[in-house]
C-alpha atoms as a PDB file:
ATOM      1  CA  MET A   1      12.055  97.868 -17.199  1.00  0.00           C
ATOM      2  CA  LYS A   2      13.135  95.734 -14.287  1.00  0.00           C
ATOM      3  CA  ARG A   3      14.977  92.510 -14.762  1.00  0.00           C
ATOM      4  CA  CYS A   4      14.076  89.421 -12.781  1.00  0.00           C
ATOM      5  CA  THR A   5      16.937  88.094 -10.729  1.00  0.00           C
ATOM      6  CA  LEU A   6      17.244  85.060  -8.547  1.00  0.00           C
ATOM      7  CA  SER A   7      18.012  85.610  -4.972  1.00  0.00           C
ATOM      8  CA  LYS A   8      21.126  84.036  -3.640  1.00  0.00           C
ATOM      9  CA  ASN A   9      19.444  83.224  -0.369  1.00  0.00           C
ATOM     10  CA  ARG A  10      18.095  79.675  -0.623  1.00  0.00           C
ATOM     11  CA  GLN A  11      15.618  78.587   1.956  1.00  0.00           C
ATOM     12  CA  ARG A  12      14.648  75.008   2.689  1.00  0.00           C
ATOM     13  CA  THR A  13      10.947  74.557   2.838  1.00  0.00           C
ATOM     14  CA  PRO A  14       9.898  71.471   4.846  1.00  0.00           C
ATOM     15  CA  LEU A  15       7.590  69.021   3.147  1.00  0.00           C
ATOM     16  CA  SER A  16       4.073  69.015   4.322  1.00  0.00           C
ATOM     17  CA  PRO A  17       2.785  65.752   5.911  1.00  0.00           C
ATOM     18  CA  PHE A  18       0.452  65.210   3.005  1.00  0.00           C
ATOM     19  CA  LEU A  19       3.242  65.581   0.451  1.00  0.00           C
ATOM     20  CA  PHE A  20       5.465  63.231   2.469  1.00  0.00           C
ATOM     21  CA  GLN A  21       2.760  60.564   2.570  1.00  0.00           C
ATOM     22  CA  LEU A  22       2.124  61.016  -1.119  1.00  0.00           C
ATOM     23  CA  LEU A  23       5.772  60.528  -1.991  1.00  0.00           C
ATOM     24  CA  SER A  24       6.070  57.543   0.350  1.00  0.00           C
ATOM     25  CA  PHE A  25       3.010  55.941  -1.187  1.00  0.00           C
ATOM     26  CA  SER A  26       4.338  56.518  -4.698  1.00  0.00           C
ATOM     27  CA  PHE A  27       7.703  55.054  -3.760  1.00  0.00           C
ATOM     28  CA  GLY A  28       5.984  52.065  -2.208  1.00  0.00           C
ATOM     29  CA  LEU A  29       4.052  51.494  -5.385  1.00  0.00           C
ATOM     30  CA  LEU A  30       7.245  51.611  -7.379  1.00  0.00           C
ATOM     31  CA  VAL A  31       8.911  49.109  -5.062  1.00  0.00           C
ATOM     32  CA  ALA A  32       5.865  46.845  -5.102  1.00  0.00           C
ATOM     33  CA  GLU A  33       5.628  47.072  -8.857  1.00  0.00           C
ATOM     34  CA  GLY A  34       9.320  46.260  -9.168  1.00  0.00           C
ATOM     35  CA  ALA A  35       8.926  43.200  -6.942  1.00  0.00           C
ATOM     36  CA  TYR A  36       5.813  42.153  -8.816  1.00  0.00           C
ATOM     37  CA  LEU A  37       7.837  41.970 -12.015  1.00  0.00           C
ATOM     38  CA  TYR A  38       9.695  38.975 -10.554  1.00  0.00           C
ATOM     39  CA  ASN A  39       6.691  36.967  -9.434  1.00  0.00           C
ATOM     40  CA  ILE A  40       6.393  33.639 -11.189  1.00  0.00           C
ATOM     41  CA  SER A  41       3.062  31.959 -11.917  1.00  0.00           C
ATOM     42  CA  SER A  42       1.494  28.621 -12.865  1.00  0.00           C
ATOM     43  CA  LEU A  43       3.687  26.389 -10.738  1.00  0.00           C
ATOM     44  CA  THR A  44       2.622  22.816 -11.547  1.00  0.00           C
ATOM     45  CA  VAL A  45       3.721  19.297 -10.611  1.00  0.00           C
ATOM     46  CA  SER A  46       3.796  16.441 -13.143  1.00  0.00           C
ATOM     47  CA  ASN A  47       5.497  13.108 -13.871  1.00  0.00           C
ATOM     48  CA  LYS A  48       5.177  11.985 -10.264  1.00  0.00           C
ATOM     49  CA  THR A  49       6.962   8.782  -9.263  1.00  0.00           C
ATOM     50  CA  SER A  50       7.707   7.172  -5.924  1.00  0.00           C
ATOM     51  CA  SER A  51      10.972   9.145  -5.624  1.00  0.00           C
ATOM     52  CA  SER A  52      10.743  12.205  -7.913  1.00  0.00           C
ATOM     53  CA  VAL A  53       8.481  14.923  -9.356  1.00  0.00           C
ATOM     54  CA  TYR A  54       8.785  17.365 -12.242  1.00  0.00           C
ATOM     55  CA  LEU A  55       8.122  21.084 -11.583  1.00  0.00           C
ATOM     56  CA  THR A  56       7.336  23.712 -14.234  1.00  0.00           C
ATOM     57  CA  TRP A  57       6.435  27.418 -13.975  1.00  0.00           C
ATOM     58  CA  ASN A  58       6.094  30.553 -16.096  1.00  0.00           C
ATOM     59  CA  GLU A  59       8.872  33.099 -16.555  1.00  0.00           C
ATOM     60  CA  PRO A  60       8.279  36.385 -14.634  1.00  0.00           C
ATOM     61  CA  HIS A  61       7.834  39.673 -16.490  1.00  0.00           C
ATOM     62  CA  GLY A  62      11.076  41.116 -15.181  1.00  0.00           C
ATOM     63  CA  SER A  63      14.550  39.922 -16.054  1.00  0.00           C
ATOM     64  CA  SER A  64      15.455  37.148 -13.630  1.00  0.00           C
ATOM     65  CA  SER A  65      18.881  35.724 -12.884  1.00  0.00           C
ATOM     66  CA  PHE A  66      17.895  32.330 -11.445  1.00  0.00           C
ATOM     67  CA  PHE A  67      15.214  30.533  -9.466  1.00  0.00           C
ATOM     68  CA  ILE A  68      15.339  29.034  -5.989  1.00  0.00           C
ATOM     69  CA  VAL A  69      13.499  25.712  -5.737  1.00  0.00           C
ATOM     70  CA  ASN A  70      12.662  24.542  -2.219  1.00  0.00           C
ATOM     71  CA  TRP A  71      10.852  21.404  -1.064  1.00  0.00           C
ATOM     72  CA  THR A  72       9.825  20.284   2.422  1.00  0.00           C
ATOM     73  CA  GLY A  73       8.272  17.063   3.681  1.00  0.00           C
ATOM     74  CA  ASP A  74       9.124  13.862   5.546  1.00  0.00           C
ATOM     75  CA  SER A  75      11.313  15.865   7.989  1.00  0.00           C
ATOM     76  CA  VAL A  76      13.467  17.303   5.178  1.00  0.00           C
ATOM     77  CA  ASN A  77      13.972  20.863   3.949  1.00  0.00           C
ATOM     78  CA  ASN A  78      16.083  21.072   0.794  1.00  0.00           C
ATOM     79  CA  SER A  79      16.625  23.684  -1.899  1.00  0.00           C
ATOM     80  CA  SER A  80      18.427  24.078  -5.204  1.00  0.00           C
ATOM     81  CA  ASN A  81      19.043  26.829  -7.776  1.00  0.00           C
ATOM     82  CA  THR A  82      18.281  26.650 -11.472  1.00  0.00           C
ATOM     83  CA  SER A  83      18.205  29.059 -14.404  1.00  0.00           C
ATOM     84  CA  ASN A  84      15.469  27.106 -16.198  1.00  0.00           C
ATOM     85  CA  THR A  85      11.709  27.305 -15.759  1.00  0.00           C
ATOM     86  CA  SER A  86      11.554  23.615 -14.884  1.00  0.00           C
ATOM     87  CA  TYR A  87      13.215  21.357 -12.361  1.00  0.00           C
ATOM     88  CA  THR A  88      13.170  17.647 -11.457  1.00  0.00           C
ATOM     89  CA  VAL A  89      13.191  17.018  -7.720  1.00  0.00           C
ATOM     90  CA  THR A  90      14.732  13.627  -6.899  1.00  0.00           C
ATOM     91  CA  GLY A  91      15.517  11.622  -3.779  1.00  0.00           C
ATOM     92  CA  LEU A  92      11.982  11.825  -2.391  1.00  0.00           C
ATOM     93  CA  THR A  93      10.237   9.280  -0.185  1.00  0.00           C
ATOM     94  CA  ALA A  94       7.343   7.240  -1.562  1.00  0.00           C
ATOM     95  CA  GLY A  95       3.821   8.140  -0.454  1.00  0.00           C
ATOM     96  CA  VAL A  96       4.778  11.452   1.236  1.00  0.00           C
ATOM     97  CA  ASN A  97       3.162  14.877   0.769  1.00  0.00           C
ATOM     98  CA  TYR A  98       5.758  17.509  -0.190  1.00  0.00           C
ATOM     99  CA  ILE A  99       5.430  21.310  -0.380  1.00  0.00           C
ATOM    100  CA  PHE A 100       7.298  22.863  -3.324  1.00  0.00           C
ATOM    101  CA  THR A 101       8.225  26.563  -3.435  1.00  0.00           C
ATOM    102  CA  VAL A 102       9.852  28.460  -6.318  1.00  0.00           C
ATOM    103  CA  THR A 103      11.211  32.014  -5.968  1.00  0.00           C
ATOM    104  CA  ALA A 104      12.616  34.188  -8.767  1.00  0.00           C
ATOM    105  CA  VAL A 105      15.772  36.251  -8.149  1.00  0.00           C
ATOM    106  CA  ALA A 106      16.306  39.424 -10.207  1.00  0.00           C
ATOM    107  CA  ALA A 107      19.380  40.241 -12.258  1.00  0.00           C
ATOM    108  CA  ASP A 108      20.879  42.198  -9.347  1.00  0.00           C
ATOM    109  CA  ASN A 109      20.934  38.906  -7.363  1.00  0.00           C
ATOM    110  CA  GLN A 110      19.185  40.684  -4.496  1.00  0.00           C
ATOM    111  CA  THR A 111      15.618  41.472  -5.451  1.00  0.00           C
ATOM    112  CA  THR A 112      13.256  38.540  -5.205  1.00  0.00           C
ATOM    113  CA  GLY A 113       9.677  38.096  -6.239  1.00  0.00           C
ATOM    114  CA  ALA A 114       6.867  36.536  -4.263  1.00  0.00           C
ATOM    115  CA  PRO A 115       7.341  32.764  -3.943  1.00  0.00           C
ATOM    116  CA  ALA A 116       4.955  30.418  -5.747  1.00  0.00           C
ATOM    117  CA  GLN A 117       3.923  27.325  -3.808  1.00  0.00           C
ATOM    118  CA  THR A 118       2.181  24.019  -4.438  1.00  0.00           C
ATOM    119  CA  SER A 119       2.035  20.560  -2.857  1.00  0.00           C
ATOM    120  CA  ALA A 120       1.818  16.995  -4.135  1.00  0.00           C
ATOM    121  CA  PHE A 121       2.101  13.386  -2.979  1.00  0.00           C
ATOM    122  CA  THR A 122       4.717  11.054  -4.374  1.00  0.00           C
ATOM    123  CA  LYS A 123       3.448   7.702  -5.598  1.00  0.00           C
ATOM    124  CA  PRO A 124       3.452   4.790  -3.139  1.00  0.00           C
ATOM    125  CA  SER A 125       6.122   2.161  -3.548  1.00  0.00           C
ATOM    126  CA  SER A 126       5.480  -1.047  -5.484  1.00  0.00           C
ATOM    127  CA  THR A 127       6.135  -3.088  -2.329  1.00  0.00           C
ATOM    128  CA  ALA A 128       3.274  -1.364  -0.567  1.00  0.00           C
ATOM    129  CA  ASN A 129       0.978  -2.275  -3.459  1.00  0.00           C
ATOM    130  CA  THR A 130       1.896  -5.958  -3.389  1.00  0.00           C
ATOM    131  CA  VAL A 131       1.243  -6.420   0.334  1.00  0.00           C
ATOM    132  CA  PRO A 132      -2.578  -6.136   0.056  1.00  0.00           C
ATOM    133  CA  ILE A 133      -2.520  -8.471  -2.952  1.00  0.00           C
ATOM    134  CA  VAL A 134      -0.559 -11.091  -1.014  1.00  0.00           C
ATOM    135  CA  LEU A 135      -2.791 -10.795   2.034  1.00  0.00           C
ATOM    136  CA  GLY A 136      -6.021 -10.762   0.062  1.00  0.00           C
ATOM    137  CA  VAL A 137      -5.380 -13.376  -2.644  1.00  0.00           C
ATOM    138  CA  VAL A 138      -2.290 -15.485  -2.081  1.00  0.00           C
ATOM    139  CA  LEU A 139      -2.717 -16.040   1.660  1.00  0.00           C
ATOM    140  CA  PRO A 140      -6.233 -17.588   1.418  1.00  0.00           C
ATOM    141  CA  ILE A 141      -5.013 -19.903  -1.361  1.00  0.00           C
ATOM    142  CA  ILE A 142      -2.096 -21.054   0.794  1.00  0.00           C
ATOM    143  CA  CYS A 143      -4.423 -21.679   3.762  1.00  0.00           C
ATOM    144  CA  LEU A 144      -6.800 -23.693   1.574  1.00  0.00           C
ATOM    145  CA  PHE A 145      -3.927 -25.756   0.187  1.00  0.00           C
ATOM    146  CA  ILE A 146      -2.689 -26.519   3.710  1.00  0.00           C
ATOM    147  CA  MET A 147      -6.192 -27.600   4.787  1.00  0.00           C
ATOM    148  CA  VAL A 148      -6.455 -29.958   1.807  1.00  0.00           C
ATOM    149  CA  ILE A 149      -3.091 -31.515   2.672  1.00  0.00           C
ATOM    150  CA  ILE A 150      -4.164 -32.026   6.294  1.00  0.00           C
ATOM    151  CA  ILE A 151      -7.445 -33.669   5.241  1.00  0.00           C
ATOM    152  CA  VAL A 152      -5.639 -36.023   2.849  1.00  0.00           C
ATOM    153  CA  ILE A 153      -3.137 -37.028   5.532  1.00  0.00           C
ATOM    154  CA  VAL A 154      -5.906 -37.718   8.074  1.00  0.00           C
ATOM    155  CA  ARG A 155      -7.868 -39.849   5.607  1.00  0.00           C
ATOM    156  CA  ARG A 156      -4.809 -41.864   4.710  1.00  0.00           C
ATOM    157  CA  LEU A 157      -4.084 -42.512   8.365  1.00  0.00           C
ATOM    158  CA  GLN A 158      -7.662 -43.692   8.882  1.00  0.00           C
ATOM    159  CA  ILE A 159      -7.465 -46.008   5.884  1.00  0.00           C
ATOM    160  CA  HIS A 160      -4.099 -47.321   7.014  1.00  0.00           C
ATOM    161  CA  HIS A 161      -5.352 -48.267  10.501  1.00  0.00           C
ATOM    162  CA  SER A 162      -8.804 -49.593   9.511  1.00  0.00           C
ATOM    163  CA  PRO A 163      -7.623 -52.864   7.762  1.00  0.00           C
ATOM    164  CA  ASN A 164      -5.483 -53.796  10.748  1.00  0.00           C
ATOM    165  CA  GLN A 165      -8.462 -53.556  13.057  1.00  0.00           C
ATOM    166  CA  ASN A 166     -10.599 -55.670  10.718  1.00  0.00           C
ATOM    167  CA  GLU A 167      -7.887 -58.270  10.359  1.00  0.00           C
ATOM    168  CA  MET A 168      -7.609 -58.506  14.113  1.00  0.00           C
ATOM    169  CA  LYS A 169     -11.355 -58.962  14.504  1.00  0.00           C
ATOM    170  CA  VAL A 170     -11.900 -61.467  11.689  1.00  0.00           C
ATOM    171  CA  PRO A 171      -9.783 -64.284  13.120  1.00  0.00           C
ATOM    172  CA  THR A 172     -11.463 -63.860  16.487  1.00  0.00           C
ATOM    173  CA  GLU A 173     -14.936 -64.007  14.976  1.00  0.00           C
ATOM    174  CA  SER A 174     -13.984 -66.983  12.795  1.00  0.00           C
ATOM    175  CA  SER A 175     -12.591 -68.870  15.758  1.00  0.00           C
ATOM    176  CA  ASP A 176     -15.721 -68.197  17.783  1.00  0.00           C
ATOM    177  CA  LEU A 177     -17.991 -69.364  14.989  1.00  0.00           C
ATOM    178  CA  GLN A 178     -15.910 -72.448  14.409  1.00  0.00           C
ATOM    179  CA  ALA A 179     -15.938 -73.367  18.087  1.00  0.00           C
ATOM    180  CA  THR A 180     -19.683 -72.838  18.325  1.00  0.00           C
ATOM    181  CA  TYR A 181     -20.278 -75.002  15.248  1.00  0.00           C
ATOM    182  CA  MET A 182     -18.153 -77.787  16.626  1.00  0.00           C
ATOM    183  CA  ASN A 183     -19.977 -77.697  19.941  1.00  0.00           C
ATOM    184  CA  LEU A 184     -23.339 -77.843  18.212  1.00  0.00           C
ATOM    185  CA  ALA A 185     -22.182 -80.674  16.023  1.00  0.00           C
ATOM    186  CA  HIS A 186     -21.025 -82.716  18.980  1.00  0.00           C
ATOM    187  CA  VAL A 187     -24.169 -82.057  20.955  1.00  0.00           C
ATOM    188  CA  GLN A 188     -26.866 -82.462  18.305  1.00  0.00           C
ATOM    189  CA  ARG A 189     -25.353 -85.183  16.174  1.00  0.00           C
ATOM    190  CA  PRO A 190     -25.820 -88.087  18.562  1.00  0.00           C
ATOM    191  CA  ALA A 191     -29.437 -87.135  19.276  1.00  0.00           C
ATOM    192  CA  VAL A 192     -30.245 -87.006  15.612  1.00  0.00           C
ATOM    193  CA  ASP A 193     -28.611 -90.389  14.953  1.00  0.00           C
ATOM    194  CA  SER A 194     -30.462 -92.179  17.785  1.00  0.00           C
ATOM    195  CA  ALA A 195     -33.793 -90.770  16.735  1.00  0.00           C
ATOM    196  CA  THR A 196     -33.190 -91.831  13.206  1.00  0.00           C
ATOM    197  CA  ASN A 197     -32.217 -95.340  14.274  1.00  0.00           C
ATOM    198  CA  SER A 198     -35.339 -95.760  16.423  1.00  0.00           C
ATOM    199  CA  ASN A 199     -37.555 -94.667  13.579  1.00  0.00           C
ATOM    200  CA  ILE A 200     -35.892 -97.079  11.238  1.00  0.00           C
ATOM    201  CA  MET A 201     -36.345 -99.930  13.689  1.00  0.00           C
ATOM    202  CA  GLU A 202     -40.043 -99.164  14.116  1.00  0.00           C
ATOM    203  CA  ILE A 203     -40.552 -99.140  10.355  1.00  0.00           C
ATOM    204  CA  VAL A 204     -38.751-102.432   9.967  1.00  0.00           C
ATOM    205  CA  ASN A 205     -40.722-104.115  12.748  1.00  0.00           C
ATOM    206  CA  SER A 206     -44.012-102.923  11.302  1.00  0.00           C
ATOM    207  CA  LYS A 207     -43.158-104.435   7.965  1.00  0.00           C
ATOM    208  CA  LEU A 208     -42.325-107.684   9.537  1.00  0.00           C
END
């Protein structure tokens, strides 16, 4: 009976192209699956103010070391690290649209998952809200008040000058009337007296 022995001559057999592609594909799946473990989800924005927002997200399936929070907008590009699944972004500009990105970093501090991204507007400032109110409500009231003051001043000026004109005219008219009356009195009075005297004389003579 023969015994099976292993040959000492080892030969290297090259991998076939198909086997190489199969191994590469399998390794790629493993790498992709490993990266997928660090993908975060459900990135949301809440508690928006004119200068800050509150970000929350879900923990990835893999063990993460920390998260990189990045925000861009209004010519700024800032980032910060946190170990929590929430972060408050401060120092923002009112009424600006910001893009927020959160990336998970694995425990080896090298592997990162796919970044999650969302965008949101900060609230406008209170000053911007009061400007339309002032222009739409307060300004017409001020204009109306100014018009009323102008009308009152004009009427008072008219009333103030009107009596002076009347007083200047009244003496002139009175003097004219008085002069006319005196002229008529001087002209008509003698004629009336002579006619009356002649009538009286005729009546007296007839009686005699």
